[in-house]
Amino acid sequence: MANTHEIKVQRREDEGKGASRRLRHAGQVPAIVYGGELNPVSIQLNHNEVWLASQNDWFYSSILDLSLSGDIQKVLLRDMQRHPFKQQIMHLDFQRVNENETLRTAVPLHFLNEDKSPAGKSAEVVVTHELNEVVVECLPKDLPEFIEIDLADLAIGAVVHLSDIKLPAGVVIPELKLGKEHDVAVVIAKHGKEEAEEAPVESAEVPAAKVAKKDDK
C-alpha cells in the first residue's frame, strides 16, 4: 500500500506575475492543481513547509494529499521551479490522481549493502550507478516511495539490468516492454584498470612555433 502525505494549501484568487511576486515575498509558493474531470485551481502553500518536504524522496514520487480546508485531493508533483541561486521554490504543478487509473511516474532507486558485496570490498573495482530513478506504471495504491536494490551479492564484473530489479506487486517498468535493447544497465561493477584502458589517449601536439625549421639554401 502506497504511503500518502498531507500538505495544507489555500486557494489563490489573484493571478499574474505581480501577484505571484507578492506571494513569494510573504513566504508563500504559488501553485496549480490540474487534471481529472475538474478545472485547474490556483493554490498557494507555505514555503518553509514545502521546502522541508522537498528534501525527501517521497515529495517527488508519492501520492500527496492536498488539503484545502479539509477537502482532500490526491495528486502527484509534476513540476517544480526553483530560484537559480536562492534556496527558494518559485512554483509547483500538481496533477490530480484517479485511484482507478494507471499512472506513470519516476521512482527513486535506493542501493543497499554495496559495501558488503564482493565488488564493493575490492579496492580495484569501481561500482557505478547508471540510474538513480526508474519510470514505473501502476495504480496509485501500489505506487512505492522508492525501490530498493540489494547489492550484497554484487560480483566483480557484474552488471545489474532493469529486468533484475525486484518490483513490488502491481508495479511494472514500461521500458522493458519495448524490447531487450531497452533492458539497460542500472549498476556496473568494473575493474578500475579496465576503465583506465578504455579512456581515450590524447596525442600531444607540438606547437608550430616549436617545430624546427630547415635553413633555406
N, C-alpha and C. Protein backbone atom coordinates (compact mmCIF):
# COMPACT_ATOMS: atom_id res chain seq x y z
N MET A 1 0.86 -1.21 0.00
CA MET A 1 0.00 0.00 0.00
C MET A 1 0.89 1.24 0.00
N ALA A 2 0.67 2.16 -0.92
CA ALA A 2 1.50 3.36 -1.01
C ALA A 2 1.18 4.31 0.14
N ASN A 3 2.22 4.93 0.66
CA ASN A 3 2.02 5.94 1.71
C ASN A 3 1.59 7.25 1.08
N THR A 4 0.80 8.03 1.83
CA THR A 4 0.43 9.36 1.36
C THR A 4 0.82 10.38 2.42
N HIS A 5 0.97 11.61 2.00
CA HIS A 5 1.43 12.67 2.89
C HIS A 5 0.54 13.89 2.69
N GLU A 6 0.06 14.45 3.78
CA GLU A 6 -0.86 15.58 3.70
C GLU A 6 -0.12 16.90 3.70
N ILE A 7 -0.50 17.77 2.81
CA ILE A 7 0.07 19.11 2.71
C ILE A 7 -1.08 20.11 2.66
N LYS A 8 -1.07 21.08 3.56
CA LYS A 8 -2.16 22.06 3.61
C LYS A 8 -1.92 23.17 2.58
N VAL A 9 -3.00 23.53 1.88
CA VAL A 9 -2.92 24.57 0.86
C VAL A 9 -4.07 25.54 1.05
N GLN A 10 -3.96 26.69 0.36
CA GLN A 10 -5.03 27.68 0.35
C GLN A 10 -5.34 28.04 -1.09
N ARG A 11 -6.58 28.40 -1.35
CA ARG A 11 -6.96 28.82 -2.70
C ARG A 11 -6.32 30.18 -3.00
N ARG A 12 -5.88 30.36 -4.22
CA ARG A 12 -5.24 31.62 -4.64
C ARG A 12 -6.17 32.33 -5.61
N GLU A 13 -6.56 33.52 -5.24
CA GLU A 13 -7.51 34.28 -6.07
C GLU A 13 -6.81 35.15 -7.10
N ASP A 14 -5.70 35.79 -6.70
CA ASP A 14 -5.00 36.71 -7.61
C ASP A 14 -4.12 35.93 -8.58
N GLU A 15 -4.09 36.38 -9.84
CA GLU A 15 -3.26 35.77 -10.86
C GLU A 15 -2.23 36.77 -11.37
N GLY A 16 -1.28 36.29 -12.14
CA GLY A 16 -0.30 37.18 -12.76
C GLY A 16 1.02 37.19 -12.03
N LYS A 17 2.04 37.75 -12.72
CA LYS A 17 3.39 37.77 -12.16
C LYS A 17 3.48 38.63 -10.90
N GLY A 18 2.76 39.77 -10.91
CA GLY A 18 2.81 40.65 -9.75
C GLY A 18 2.24 39.98 -8.51
N ALA A 19 1.13 39.27 -8.67
CA ALA A 19 0.52 38.57 -7.55
C ALA A 19 1.42 37.45 -7.03
N SER A 20 2.06 36.74 -7.96
CA SER A 20 2.97 35.67 -7.56
C SER A 20 4.18 36.22 -6.82
N ARG A 21 4.66 37.37 -7.26
CA ARG A 21 5.81 38.00 -6.60
C ARG A 21 5.45 38.40 -5.18
N ARG A 22 4.26 38.92 -4.99
CA ARG A 22 3.82 39.32 -3.64
C ARG A 22 3.68 38.09 -2.74
N LEU A 23 3.19 37.00 -3.29
CA LEU A 23 3.06 35.77 -2.51
C LEU A 23 4.42 35.28 -2.02
N ARG A 24 5.39 35.30 -2.92
CA ARG A 24 6.73 34.82 -2.55
C ARG A 24 7.34 35.68 -1.47
N HIS A 25 7.14 37.01 -1.57
CA HIS A 25 7.65 37.90 -0.53
C HIS A 25 6.98 37.64 0.81
N ALA A 26 5.77 37.11 0.77
CA ALA A 26 5.03 36.82 2.00
C ALA A 26 5.30 35.40 2.52
N GLY A 27 6.26 34.70 1.89
CA GLY A 27 6.61 33.36 2.35
C GLY A 27 5.70 32.27 1.84
N GLN A 28 5.03 32.53 0.71
CA GLN A 28 4.13 31.55 0.11
C GLN A 28 4.67 31.10 -1.24
N VAL A 29 4.20 29.94 -1.70
CA VAL A 29 4.59 29.42 -3.01
C VAL A 29 3.34 29.32 -3.88
N PRO A 30 3.29 30.01 -5.02
CA PRO A 30 2.16 29.85 -5.93
C PRO A 30 2.21 28.48 -6.60
N ALA A 31 1.05 27.89 -6.83
CA ALA A 31 0.99 26.56 -7.44
C ALA A 31 -0.32 26.39 -8.17
N ILE A 32 -0.41 25.30 -8.93
CA ILE A 32 -1.65 24.99 -9.65
C ILE A 32 -1.92 23.49 -9.54
N VAL A 33 -3.20 23.15 -9.47
CA VAL A 33 -3.65 21.75 -9.47
C VAL A 33 -4.49 21.55 -10.72
N TYR A 34 -4.18 20.53 -11.51
CA TYR A 34 -4.91 20.30 -12.76
C TYR A 34 -5.15 18.80 -12.96
N GLY A 35 -5.92 18.48 -13.98
CA GLY A 35 -6.16 17.08 -14.34
C GLY A 35 -7.49 16.56 -13.81
N GLY A 36 -7.85 15.37 -14.28
CA GLY A 36 -9.12 14.79 -13.88
C GLY A 36 -10.28 15.50 -14.55
N GLU A 37 -11.44 15.40 -13.94
CA GLU A 37 -12.64 16.00 -14.51
C GLU A 37 -12.90 17.41 -13.98
N LEU A 38 -12.02 17.89 -13.09
CA LEU A 38 -12.20 19.22 -12.50
C LEU A 38 -11.35 20.24 -13.24
N ASN A 39 -11.74 21.50 -13.12
CA ASN A 39 -10.97 22.58 -13.73
C ASN A 39 -9.68 22.82 -12.95
N PRO A 40 -8.66 23.38 -13.59
CA PRO A 40 -7.45 23.76 -12.87
C PRO A 40 -7.76 24.76 -11.75
N VAL A 41 -7.06 24.62 -10.64
CA VAL A 41 -7.27 25.51 -9.50
C VAL A 41 -5.93 26.09 -9.07
N SER A 42 -5.88 27.41 -8.89
CA SER A 42 -4.68 28.07 -8.40
C SER A 42 -4.66 28.03 -6.88
N ILE A 43 -3.53 27.63 -6.32
CA ILE A 43 -3.40 27.50 -4.87
C ILE A 43 -2.10 28.13 -4.41
N GLN A 44 -1.92 28.21 -3.10
CA GLN A 44 -0.67 28.68 -2.51
C GLN A 44 -0.34 27.80 -1.31
N LEU A 45 0.98 27.65 -1.05
CA LEU A 45 1.46 26.80 0.03
C LEU A 45 2.49 27.55 0.85
N ASN A 46 2.63 27.19 2.11
CA ASN A 46 3.65 27.77 2.96
C ASN A 46 5.03 27.33 2.49
N HIS A 47 5.91 28.30 2.19
CA HIS A 47 7.21 27.96 1.60
C HIS A 47 8.06 27.10 2.51
N ASN A 48 8.14 27.44 3.79
CA ASN A 48 9.00 26.68 4.69
C ASN A 48 8.57 25.22 4.80
N GLU A 49 7.25 25.00 4.85
CA GLU A 49 6.74 23.63 4.94
C GLU A 49 7.05 22.85 3.66
N VAL A 50 6.87 23.51 2.52
CA VAL A 50 7.13 22.85 1.25
C VAL A 50 8.63 22.60 1.08
N TRP A 51 9.44 23.55 1.51
CA TRP A 51 10.90 23.38 1.39
C TRP A 51 11.37 22.17 2.19
N LEU A 52 10.87 22.02 3.40
CA LEU A 52 11.23 20.85 4.23
C LEU A 52 10.76 19.56 3.56
N ALA A 53 9.55 19.58 3.02
CA ALA A 53 9.02 18.39 2.35
C ALA A 53 9.86 18.04 1.12
N SER A 54 10.37 19.05 0.43
CA SER A 54 11.12 18.83 -0.80
C SER A 54 12.48 18.19 -0.58
N GLN A 55 12.91 18.07 0.68
CA GLN A 55 14.18 17.42 0.99
C GLN A 55 14.03 15.90 1.07
N ASN A 56 12.81 15.41 0.89
CA ASN A 56 12.54 13.97 0.98
C ASN A 56 12.15 13.39 -0.37
N ASP A 57 12.55 12.13 -0.60
CA ASP A 57 12.20 11.46 -1.85
C ASP A 57 10.70 11.38 -2.06
N TRP A 58 9.95 11.18 -0.96
CA TRP A 58 8.51 10.96 -1.12
C TRP A 58 7.79 12.16 -1.74
N PHE A 59 8.35 13.34 -1.58
CA PHE A 59 7.69 14.53 -2.12
C PHE A 59 7.59 14.46 -3.65
N TYR A 60 8.54 13.77 -4.27
CA TYR A 60 8.60 13.72 -5.73
C TYR A 60 7.94 12.48 -6.32
N SER A 61 7.78 11.42 -5.52
CA SER A 61 7.31 10.16 -6.09
C SER A 61 6.07 9.59 -5.42
N SER A 62 5.59 10.19 -4.34
CA SER A 62 4.44 9.65 -3.62
C SER A 62 3.15 10.38 -3.97
N ILE A 63 2.04 9.71 -3.67
CA ILE A 63 0.75 10.38 -3.75
C ILE A 63 0.68 11.38 -2.60
N LEU A 64 0.38 12.63 -2.92
CA LEU A 64 0.26 13.68 -1.91
C LEU A 64 -1.20 14.01 -1.69
N ASP A 65 -1.58 14.24 -0.45
CA ASP A 65 -2.94 14.67 -0.11
C ASP A 65 -2.93 16.18 0.08
N LEU A 66 -3.41 16.91 -0.90
CA LEU A 66 -3.53 18.35 -0.75
C LEU A 66 -4.82 18.65 0.00
N SER A 67 -4.69 19.32 1.14
CA SER A 67 -5.84 19.59 1.99
C SER A 67 -6.22 21.07 1.90
N LEU A 68 -7.39 21.34 1.31
CA LEU A 68 -7.91 22.69 1.19
C LEU A 68 -9.12 22.81 2.10
N SER A 69 -8.89 23.33 3.30
CA SER A 69 -9.96 23.47 4.29
C SER A 69 -10.68 22.14 4.53
N GLY A 70 -9.91 21.06 4.60
CA GLY A 70 -10.49 19.75 4.86
C GLY A 70 -10.85 18.96 3.63
N ASP A 71 -10.90 19.62 2.47
CA ASP A 71 -11.19 18.93 1.21
C ASP A 71 -9.87 18.35 0.68
N ILE A 72 -9.80 17.01 0.57
CA ILE A 72 -8.56 16.34 0.17
C ILE A 72 -8.59 16.00 -1.31
N GLN A 73 -7.54 16.38 -2.02
CA GLN A 73 -7.36 15.95 -3.40
C GLN A 73 -6.02 15.22 -3.50
N LYS A 74 -6.05 14.02 -4.09
CA LYS A 74 -4.83 13.23 -4.25
C LYS A 74 -4.13 13.65 -5.53
N VAL A 75 -2.83 13.95 -5.39
CA VAL A 75 -2.09 14.49 -6.52
C VAL A 75 -0.67 13.92 -6.56
N LEU A 76 -0.03 14.13 -7.70
CA LEU A 76 1.41 13.89 -7.86
C LEU A 76 2.08 15.19 -8.25
N LEU A 77 3.27 15.43 -7.73
CA LEU A 77 4.04 16.60 -8.16
C LEU A 77 4.53 16.35 -9.58
N ARG A 78 4.25 17.27 -10.48
CA ARG A 78 4.66 17.11 -11.87
C ARG A 78 5.74 18.10 -12.29
N ASP A 79 5.84 19.23 -11.59
CA ASP A 79 6.87 20.20 -11.97
C ASP A 79 7.19 21.10 -10.78
N MET A 80 8.46 21.43 -10.64
CA MET A 80 8.90 22.35 -9.59
C MET A 80 9.88 23.34 -10.20
N GLN A 81 9.61 24.63 -10.02
CA GLN A 81 10.52 25.67 -10.49
C GLN A 81 11.25 26.25 -9.27
N ARG A 82 12.57 26.23 -9.35
CA ARG A 82 13.40 26.75 -8.26
C ARG A 82 14.08 28.05 -8.69
N HIS A 83 14.43 28.88 -7.72
CA HIS A 83 15.22 30.07 -7.99
C HIS A 83 16.61 29.63 -8.44
N PRO A 84 17.22 30.32 -9.42
CA PRO A 84 18.51 29.88 -9.94
C PRO A 84 19.65 29.84 -8.92
N PHE A 85 19.59 30.66 -7.87
CA PHE A 85 20.68 30.59 -6.88
C PHE A 85 20.22 30.67 -5.43
N LYS A 86 19.00 31.10 -5.17
CA LYS A 86 18.49 31.13 -3.80
C LYS A 86 17.85 29.78 -3.45
N GLN A 87 17.78 29.49 -2.16
CA GLN A 87 17.07 28.30 -1.70
C GLN A 87 15.58 28.64 -1.63
N GLN A 88 14.99 28.76 -2.80
CA GLN A 88 13.60 29.18 -2.88
C GLN A 88 12.86 28.43 -3.98
N ILE A 89 11.68 27.93 -3.64
CA ILE A 89 10.80 27.29 -4.62
C ILE A 89 9.90 28.36 -5.21
N MET A 90 9.89 28.46 -6.53
CA MET A 90 9.17 29.53 -7.19
C MET A 90 7.74 29.15 -7.58
N HIS A 91 7.53 27.89 -8.00
CA HIS A 91 6.20 27.48 -8.46
C HIS A 91 6.12 25.96 -8.49
N LEU A 92 4.91 25.44 -8.27
CA LEU A 92 4.70 23.99 -8.27
C LEU A 92 3.49 23.64 -9.14
N ASP A 93 3.58 22.51 -9.83
CA ASP A 93 2.46 21.98 -10.60
C ASP A 93 2.09 20.61 -10.02
N PHE A 94 0.81 20.43 -9.69
CA PHE A 94 0.33 19.15 -9.18
C PHE A 94 -0.74 18.59 -10.13
N GLN A 95 -0.69 17.28 -10.36
CA GLN A 95 -1.70 16.63 -11.21
C GLN A 95 -2.58 15.72 -10.35
N ARG A 96 -3.88 15.87 -10.53
CA ARG A 96 -4.82 15.03 -9.78
C ARG A 96 -4.68 13.57 -10.19
N VAL A 97 -4.91 12.69 -9.23
CA VAL A 97 -4.76 11.25 -9.45
C VAL A 97 -6.12 10.57 -9.28
N ASN A 98 -6.42 9.69 -10.23
CA ASN A 98 -7.62 8.87 -10.14
C ASN A 98 -7.20 7.49 -9.64
N GLU A 99 -7.76 7.07 -8.52
CA GLU A 99 -7.32 5.82 -7.89
C GLU A 99 -7.59 4.59 -8.74
N ASN A 100 -8.43 4.72 -9.77
CA ASN A 100 -8.76 3.58 -10.64
C ASN A 100 -8.01 3.60 -11.96
N GLU A 101 -7.14 4.60 -12.16
CA GLU A 101 -6.40 4.72 -13.41
C GLU A 101 -4.91 4.51 -13.19
N THR A 102 -4.30 3.75 -14.11
CA THR A 102 -2.86 3.52 -14.04
C THR A 102 -2.12 4.83 -14.26
N LEU A 103 -1.09 5.05 -13.45
CA LEU A 103 -0.27 6.26 -13.62
C LEU A 103 1.16 5.86 -13.95
N ARG A 104 1.87 6.80 -14.52
CA ARG A 104 3.29 6.60 -14.86
C ARG A 104 4.11 7.72 -14.22
N THR A 105 5.12 7.35 -13.47
CA THR A 105 5.95 8.36 -12.82
C THR A 105 7.32 7.77 -12.47
N ALA A 106 8.28 8.64 -12.19
CA ALA A 106 9.63 8.19 -11.82
C ALA A 106 9.71 7.94 -10.32
N VAL A 107 10.40 6.86 -9.96
CA VAL A 107 10.56 6.48 -8.56
C VAL A 107 12.06 6.36 -8.26
N PRO A 108 12.53 6.91 -7.13
CA PRO A 108 13.96 6.82 -6.79
C PRO A 108 14.40 5.38 -6.52
N LEU A 109 15.67 5.11 -6.81
CA LEU A 109 16.28 3.82 -6.51
C LEU A 109 17.17 3.98 -5.28
N HIS A 110 17.03 3.07 -4.33
CA HIS A 110 17.89 3.05 -3.14
C HIS A 110 18.76 1.79 -3.21
N PHE A 111 20.06 1.99 -3.16
CA PHE A 111 21.01 0.88 -3.27
C PHE A 111 21.49 0.46 -1.88
N LEU A 112 21.34 -0.85 -1.59
CA LEU A 112 21.67 -1.37 -0.27
C LEU A 112 22.86 -2.32 -0.32
N ASN A 113 23.63 -2.33 0.77
CA ASN A 113 24.69 -3.33 1.02
C ASN A 113 25.79 -3.38 -0.04
N GLU A 114 26.00 -2.28 -0.75
CA GLU A 114 27.07 -2.27 -1.76
C GLU A 114 28.43 -2.50 -1.12
N ASP A 115 28.66 -1.89 0.05
CA ASP A 115 29.97 -2.01 0.71
C ASP A 115 30.24 -3.41 1.25
N LYS A 116 29.19 -4.25 1.36
CA LYS A 116 29.35 -5.62 1.86
C LYS A 116 29.53 -6.62 0.74
N SER A 117 29.37 -6.19 -0.49
CA SER A 117 29.44 -7.09 -1.64
C SER A 117 30.88 -7.38 -2.03
N PRO A 118 31.14 -8.49 -2.77
CA PRO A 118 32.49 -8.77 -3.26
C PRO A 118 33.05 -7.61 -4.08
N ALA A 119 32.21 -7.01 -4.90
CA ALA A 119 32.68 -5.88 -5.72
C ALA A 119 32.96 -4.66 -4.85
N GLY A 120 32.10 -4.41 -3.87
CA GLY A 120 32.28 -3.25 -3.01
C GLY A 120 33.50 -3.35 -2.10
N LYS A 121 33.88 -4.57 -1.76
CA LYS A 121 35.03 -4.78 -0.86
C LYS A 121 36.37 -4.70 -1.60
N SER A 122 36.33 -4.81 -2.92
CA SER A 122 37.57 -4.80 -3.71
C SER A 122 38.01 -3.38 -4.00
N ALA A 123 39.24 -3.08 -3.65
CA ALA A 123 39.79 -1.74 -3.89
C ALA A 123 40.03 -1.49 -5.38
N GLU A 124 40.08 -2.57 -6.17
CA GLU A 124 40.38 -2.43 -7.60
C GLU A 124 39.13 -2.30 -8.46
N VAL A 125 37.97 -2.33 -7.81
CA VAL A 125 36.71 -2.31 -8.56
C VAL A 125 35.99 -0.98 -8.36
N VAL A 126 35.46 -0.44 -9.45
CA VAL A 126 34.66 0.78 -9.41
C VAL A 126 33.20 0.39 -9.66
N VAL A 127 32.34 0.70 -8.70
CA VAL A 127 30.91 0.42 -8.84
C VAL A 127 30.20 1.72 -9.23
N THR A 128 29.54 1.71 -10.37
CA THR A 128 28.85 2.91 -10.84
C THR A 128 27.34 2.66 -10.88
N HIS A 129 26.59 3.69 -10.49
CA HIS A 129 25.12 3.65 -10.57
C HIS A 129 24.73 4.40 -11.83
N GLU A 130 24.30 3.67 -12.84
CA GLU A 130 23.95 4.27 -14.12
C GLU A 130 22.60 5.00 -14.05
N LEU A 131 21.72 4.55 -13.16
CA LEU A 131 20.42 5.17 -12.96
C LEU A 131 20.20 5.43 -11.48
N ASN A 132 19.56 6.53 -11.15
CA ASN A 132 19.19 6.83 -9.78
C ASN A 132 17.67 6.81 -9.57
N GLU A 133 16.94 6.65 -10.66
CA GLU A 133 15.49 6.54 -10.60
C GLU A 133 15.01 5.74 -11.80
N VAL A 134 13.79 5.24 -11.72
CA VAL A 134 13.24 4.46 -12.82
C VAL A 134 11.77 4.81 -12.98
N VAL A 135 11.31 4.87 -14.23
CA VAL A 135 9.91 5.17 -14.51
C VAL A 135 9.09 3.89 -14.39
N VAL A 136 8.00 3.95 -13.61
CA VAL A 136 7.15 2.78 -13.40
C VAL A 136 5.71 3.10 -13.76
N GLU A 137 4.92 2.04 -13.94
CA GLU A 137 3.48 2.15 -14.13
C GLU A 137 2.78 1.31 -13.08
N CYS A 138 1.70 1.85 -12.52
CA CYS A 138 0.94 1.11 -11.52
C CYS A 138 -0.30 1.91 -11.15
N LEU A 139 -1.18 1.29 -10.38
CA LEU A 139 -2.30 2.01 -9.79
C LEU A 139 -1.77 2.86 -8.64
N PRO A 140 -2.44 3.97 -8.32
CA PRO A 140 -1.96 4.83 -7.22
C PRO A 140 -1.74 4.08 -5.91
N LYS A 141 -2.59 3.10 -5.60
CA LYS A 141 -2.46 2.39 -4.33
C LYS A 141 -1.19 1.55 -4.26
N ASP A 142 -0.60 1.22 -5.43
CA ASP A 142 0.59 0.38 -5.47
C ASP A 142 1.88 1.17 -5.63
N LEU A 143 1.79 2.49 -5.76
CA LEU A 143 2.97 3.30 -6.03
C LEU A 143 3.94 3.30 -4.84
N PRO A 144 5.17 2.82 -5.02
CA PRO A 144 6.15 2.84 -3.94
C PRO A 144 6.84 4.19 -3.85
N GLU A 145 7.27 4.58 -2.64
CA GLU A 145 8.02 5.83 -2.50
C GLU A 145 9.41 5.69 -3.11
N PHE A 146 9.95 4.47 -3.07
CA PHE A 146 11.26 4.18 -3.65
C PHE A 146 11.33 2.68 -3.89
N ILE A 147 12.33 2.26 -4.66
CA ILE A 147 12.56 0.84 -4.91
C ILE A 147 13.97 0.50 -4.45
N GLU A 148 14.09 -0.53 -3.63
CA GLU A 148 15.38 -0.94 -3.10
C GLU A 148 16.03 -1.98 -4.01
N ILE A 149 17.35 -1.83 -4.20
CA ILE A 149 18.13 -2.81 -4.95
C ILE A 149 19.23 -3.30 -4.01
N ASP A 150 19.16 -4.57 -3.63
CA ASP A 150 20.13 -5.16 -2.71
C ASP A 150 21.36 -5.61 -3.50
N LEU A 151 22.50 -5.00 -3.21
CA LEU A 151 23.75 -5.29 -3.93
C LEU A 151 24.69 -6.17 -3.12
N ALA A 152 24.16 -6.86 -2.11
CA ALA A 152 25.01 -7.67 -1.23
C ALA A 152 25.79 -8.73 -1.99
N ASP A 153 25.22 -9.25 -3.09
CA ASP A 153 25.87 -10.31 -3.86
C ASP A 153 26.53 -9.79 -5.13
N LEU A 154 26.70 -8.49 -5.26
CA LEU A 154 27.27 -7.92 -6.48
C LEU A 154 28.70 -8.41 -6.68
N ALA A 155 28.91 -9.16 -7.75
CA ALA A 155 30.22 -9.74 -8.02
C ALA A 155 31.07 -8.81 -8.88
N ILE A 156 32.38 -9.05 -8.85
CA ILE A 156 33.30 -8.26 -9.67
C ILE A 156 33.00 -8.54 -11.15
N GLY A 157 32.80 -7.48 -11.90
CA GLY A 157 32.47 -7.61 -13.32
C GLY A 157 30.99 -7.77 -13.60
N ALA A 158 30.15 -7.77 -12.57
CA ALA A 158 28.72 -7.98 -12.75
C ALA A 158 28.02 -6.71 -13.23
N VAL A 159 26.88 -6.91 -13.88
CA VAL A 159 26.03 -5.81 -14.34
C VAL A 159 24.60 -6.09 -13.89
N VAL A 160 23.96 -5.14 -13.23
CA VAL A 160 22.57 -5.26 -12.84
C VAL A 160 21.74 -4.49 -13.86
N HIS A 161 20.80 -5.20 -14.50
CA HIS A 161 19.95 -4.58 -15.53
C HIS A 161 18.58 -4.23 -14.95
N LEU A 162 17.81 -3.48 -15.74
CA LEU A 162 16.45 -3.12 -15.34
C LEU A 162 15.63 -4.36 -14.99
N SER A 163 15.79 -5.42 -15.80
CA SER A 163 15.00 -6.63 -15.60
C SER A 163 15.37 -7.37 -14.32
N ASP A 164 16.50 -7.02 -13.71
CA ASP A 164 16.93 -7.67 -12.47
C ASP A 164 16.30 -7.04 -11.23
N ILE A 165 15.66 -5.88 -11.40
CA ILE A 165 15.07 -5.19 -10.25
C ILE A 165 13.83 -5.94 -9.76
N LYS A 166 13.78 -6.19 -8.47
CA LYS A 166 12.61 -6.83 -7.87
C LYS A 166 11.57 -5.74 -7.57
N LEU A 167 10.46 -5.81 -8.28
CA LEU A 167 9.43 -4.78 -8.18
C LEU A 167 8.34 -5.20 -7.21
N PRO A 168 7.74 -4.22 -6.52
CA PRO A 168 6.59 -4.52 -5.67
C PRO A 168 5.42 -5.03 -6.51
N ALA A 169 4.49 -5.70 -5.86
CA ALA A 169 3.31 -6.23 -6.56
C ALA A 169 2.54 -5.10 -7.22
N GLY A 170 2.13 -5.34 -8.47
CA GLY A 170 1.32 -4.36 -9.18
C GLY A 170 2.11 -3.29 -9.90
N VAL A 171 3.45 -3.35 -9.81
CA VAL A 171 4.31 -2.32 -10.41
C VAL A 171 5.08 -2.92 -11.58
N VAL A 172 5.12 -2.21 -12.71
CA VAL A 172 5.88 -2.65 -13.88
C VAL A 172 6.76 -1.51 -14.38
N ILE A 173 7.79 -1.89 -15.14
CA ILE A 173 8.67 -0.91 -15.78
C ILE A 173 8.31 -0.91 -17.27
N PRO A 174 7.63 0.12 -17.77
CA PRO A 174 7.16 0.14 -19.17
C PRO A 174 8.30 0.05 -20.18
N GLU A 175 9.48 0.51 -19.82
CA GLU A 175 10.62 0.48 -20.74
C GLU A 175 10.94 -0.94 -21.18
N LEU A 176 10.71 -1.92 -20.30
CA LEU A 176 11.05 -3.31 -20.61
C LEU A 176 10.11 -3.91 -21.66
N LYS A 177 8.96 -3.28 -21.88
CA LYS A 177 8.02 -3.78 -22.88
C LYS A 177 8.48 -3.45 -24.31
N LEU A 178 9.50 -2.61 -24.44
CA LEU A 178 9.92 -2.12 -25.75
C LEU A 178 10.99 -3.00 -26.40
N GLY A 179 11.46 -4.04 -25.70
CA GLY A 179 12.46 -4.93 -26.28
C GLY A 179 13.72 -5.04 -25.44
N LYS A 180 14.53 -6.07 -25.77
CA LYS A 180 15.74 -6.36 -24.99
C LYS A 180 16.73 -5.19 -24.98
N GLU A 181 16.76 -4.43 -26.07
CA GLU A 181 17.72 -3.32 -26.14
C GLU A 181 17.41 -2.22 -25.13
N HIS A 182 16.21 -2.27 -24.55
CA HIS A 182 15.83 -1.27 -23.55
C HIS A 182 16.10 -1.76 -22.11
N ASP A 183 16.62 -2.98 -22.01
CA ASP A 183 16.97 -3.53 -20.70
C ASP A 183 18.35 -3.01 -20.32
N VAL A 184 18.42 -1.74 -19.99
CA VAL A 184 19.70 -1.05 -19.80
C VAL A 184 20.32 -1.39 -18.44
N ALA A 185 21.62 -1.08 -18.33
CA ALA A 185 22.35 -1.32 -17.08
C ALA A 185 21.94 -0.31 -16.02
N VAL A 186 21.78 -0.79 -14.80
CA VAL A 186 21.47 0.07 -13.66
C VAL A 186 22.71 0.23 -12.79
N VAL A 187 23.43 -0.87 -12.58
CA VAL A 187 24.66 -0.86 -11.79
C VAL A 187 25.72 -1.66 -12.53
N ILE A 188 26.96 -1.14 -12.55
CA ILE A 188 28.08 -1.83 -13.19
C ILE A 188 29.24 -1.90 -12.20
N ALA A 189 29.80 -3.11 -12.03
CA ALA A 189 30.99 -3.30 -11.19
C ALA A 189 32.16 -3.63 -12.10
N LYS A 190 33.02 -2.66 -12.31
CA LYS A 190 34.09 -2.81 -13.29
C LYS A 190 35.46 -2.59 -12.64
N HIS A 191 36.46 -3.35 -13.12
CA HIS A 191 37.83 -3.15 -12.65
C HIS A 191 38.27 -1.74 -13.00
N GLY A 192 38.90 -1.07 -12.07
CA GLY A 192 39.42 0.27 -12.34
C GLY A 192 40.42 0.26 -13.47
N LYS A 193 41.17 -0.86 -13.60
CA LYS A 193 42.15 -1.00 -14.67
C LYS A 193 41.48 -0.98 -16.03
N GLU A 194 40.32 -1.66 -16.14
CA GLU A 194 39.58 -1.68 -17.41
C GLU A 194 39.12 -0.29 -17.78
N GLU A 195 38.68 0.48 -16.78
CA GLU A 195 38.20 1.83 -17.02
C GLU A 195 39.31 2.71 -17.55
N ALA A 196 40.52 2.53 -16.98
CA ALA A 196 41.67 3.33 -17.41
C ALA A 196 42.06 2.99 -18.84
N GLU A 197 41.97 1.67 -19.19
CA GLU A 197 42.35 1.25 -20.54
C GLU A 197 41.38 1.76 -21.59
N GLU A 198 40.10 1.94 -21.18
CA GLU A 198 39.09 2.40 -22.13
C GLU A 198 39.14 3.91 -22.37
N ALA A 199 39.81 4.62 -21.48
CA ALA A 199 39.89 6.08 -21.61
C ALA A 199 40.68 6.44 -22.87
N PRO A 200 40.21 7.36 -23.68
CA PRO A 200 40.92 7.73 -24.91
C PRO A 200 42.27 8.37 -24.61
N VAL A 201 43.27 7.98 -25.40
CA VAL A 201 44.61 8.54 -25.23
C VAL A 201 44.77 9.70 -26.19
N GLU A 202 45.05 10.86 -25.63
CA GLU A 202 45.20 12.05 -26.47
C GLU A 202 46.67 12.21 -26.86
N SER A 203 46.90 12.43 -28.13
CA SER A 203 48.28 12.63 -28.60
C SER A 203 48.70 14.06 -28.32
N ALA A 204 49.94 14.21 -27.87
CA ALA A 204 50.45 15.54 -27.54
C ALA A 204 50.90 16.23 -28.82
N GLU A 205 50.31 17.37 -29.12
CA GLU A 205 50.67 18.11 -30.32
C GLU A 205 51.70 19.17 -29.97
N VAL A 206 52.74 19.23 -30.77
CA VAL A 206 53.80 20.22 -30.56
C VAL A 206 53.41 21.51 -31.26
N PRO A 207 53.41 22.63 -30.53
CA PRO A 207 53.06 23.91 -31.15
C PRO A 207 53.92 24.18 -32.37
N ALA A 208 53.30 24.78 -33.39
CA ALA A 208 54.01 25.04 -34.65
C ALA A 208 55.24 25.89 -34.45
N ALA A 209 55.20 26.80 -33.46
CA ALA A 209 56.33 27.70 -33.22
C ALA A 209 57.56 26.96 -32.76
N LYS A 210 57.36 25.73 -32.20
CA LYS A 210 58.48 24.99 -31.67
C LYS A 210 59.00 23.94 -32.65
N VAL A 211 58.38 23.83 -33.83
CA VAL A 211 58.86 22.87 -34.83
C VAL A 211 60.13 23.41 -35.47
N ALA A 212 61.15 22.60 -35.49
CA ALA A 212 62.42 23.05 -36.04
C ALA A 212 62.29 23.25 -37.54
N LYS A 213 62.85 24.36 -38.03
CA LYS A 213 62.77 24.66 -39.46
C LYS A 213 64.16 24.44 -40.10
N LYS A 214 64.16 23.91 -41.36
CA LYS A 214 65.42 23.74 -42.07
C LYS A 214 65.84 25.06 -42.66
N ASP A 215 67.15 25.29 -42.71
CA ASP A 215 67.66 26.52 -43.30
C ASP A 215 67.44 26.48 -44.81
N ASP A 216 66.96 27.59 -45.35
CA ASP A 216 66.82 27.69 -46.82
C ASP A 216 68.18 27.91 -47.44
N LYS A 217 68.44 27.16 -48.45
CA LYS A 217 69.72 27.27 -49.15
C LYS A 217 69.58 28.27 -50.29
